[in-house]
Amino acid sequence: MPLDAIRSSLPATSVNATGVDSLGVNALGVNALGVNSPVGIFDSGLGGLSVLRAVRAALPDERLIYVADSLYAPYGERDDDFIADRTLAIGEWLITQGAKALVVACNTATAQSIAQARERLPIPMIGVEPGIKPAALMSQTRVAGVLATAVTLRSARFQALAERYSTDCRFILQPGHGLVQAVERCDVDSPELTELLRTYVQPMLDANADTLVLGCTHYPFLDKAIRAIAGDRLALIDTSVAIARQLERQLDLHGMRAAPSHDVHAPRFCSTNDGRMQQKLVASLLGLDINVERVDIPSCRTRALESGAA
């Protein structure tokens, strides 16, 4: 169904105080989309595969479409308007593919653009944010590190979250320059990568941090490298499982959860780049031998880039 037709048939999305879309079953047009319609998941690149892994474990009956916007990754080096432009364009594209819900599996995109996207897209949206709250609850030394992209750390959404829980817990904020690019090229354990991580993690250990928030969905793939540096001195906070549970709650709330099935639904993987690295990482980390579709998802900012290059 074209996006305009879906949008015109549904009321505007409303968001309650918890940031959860407050739409009823009829408003969402479940009969039009079907409970067995897919869930869309997208990230600037490959990091959202950590979320997809958790969603598959929690909701094995759901059909999934994953989009990696790898042609324009990493988002952490893009301006806020560009990130919002891509989030909306990819969300709209996933709706045209029949998506009944959208997981924005990117901390940077969630921090900068999920509020605007919720106003425009007529399906439930689940975002990700760094696990500041669980870190504050867990830390015994009352010092916790936060490893995230620079865009996430400077966002108003993150700053408000950190301020809320920093009353009695000190957060050491560290931009993870170069880490997204390393994961995108499937480098999760090279000596060069380990040394880069050491420059970020060692100062946290020296400050007596006992907890580390992995504030980007790419970073869970670096857990072994972090362990090689920190051993058991840092508890790693990865919110992928919590996101899968929130998706499960939203699907149940709106009566959109897929019917139980004995069939195994392989995710559909798409990339705005050639997809070779995505295919390699999916095989390595998820144990799936899949093809990656190359898709063209233009947006206002990317059209301007292309016209400028011409």
Foldseek 3Di string as FASTA:
>chain_A
DAQVVQVVQADFWDADPVRWTDDAQVRLVCVVLPLQFAAEEEACAQLLVLLVLLLCVLAVSHAYAYEHQPVDPDCLPPDLVVLQQVVLLVLNVVVVSRHQEYEHQWLLSVLRHPVVNSRPHSHIYFYDFWPLPVLLVPWPVLEEEEEERPSNCPGPVNVVVNVVRNPRHHYHYDYLPPQVVCVLQPNQADPVVLVSVCVVCVVSVVVQHQEYIHGTSNCVSNVVSVCVRQPNSYHYDDCSNVRSVVVVVRCVRRVSHDDDDPDGHDYAAEYCDCCPSVQVVCCVPVVDRDDYHHDDRDGPVVVVVVVVVD
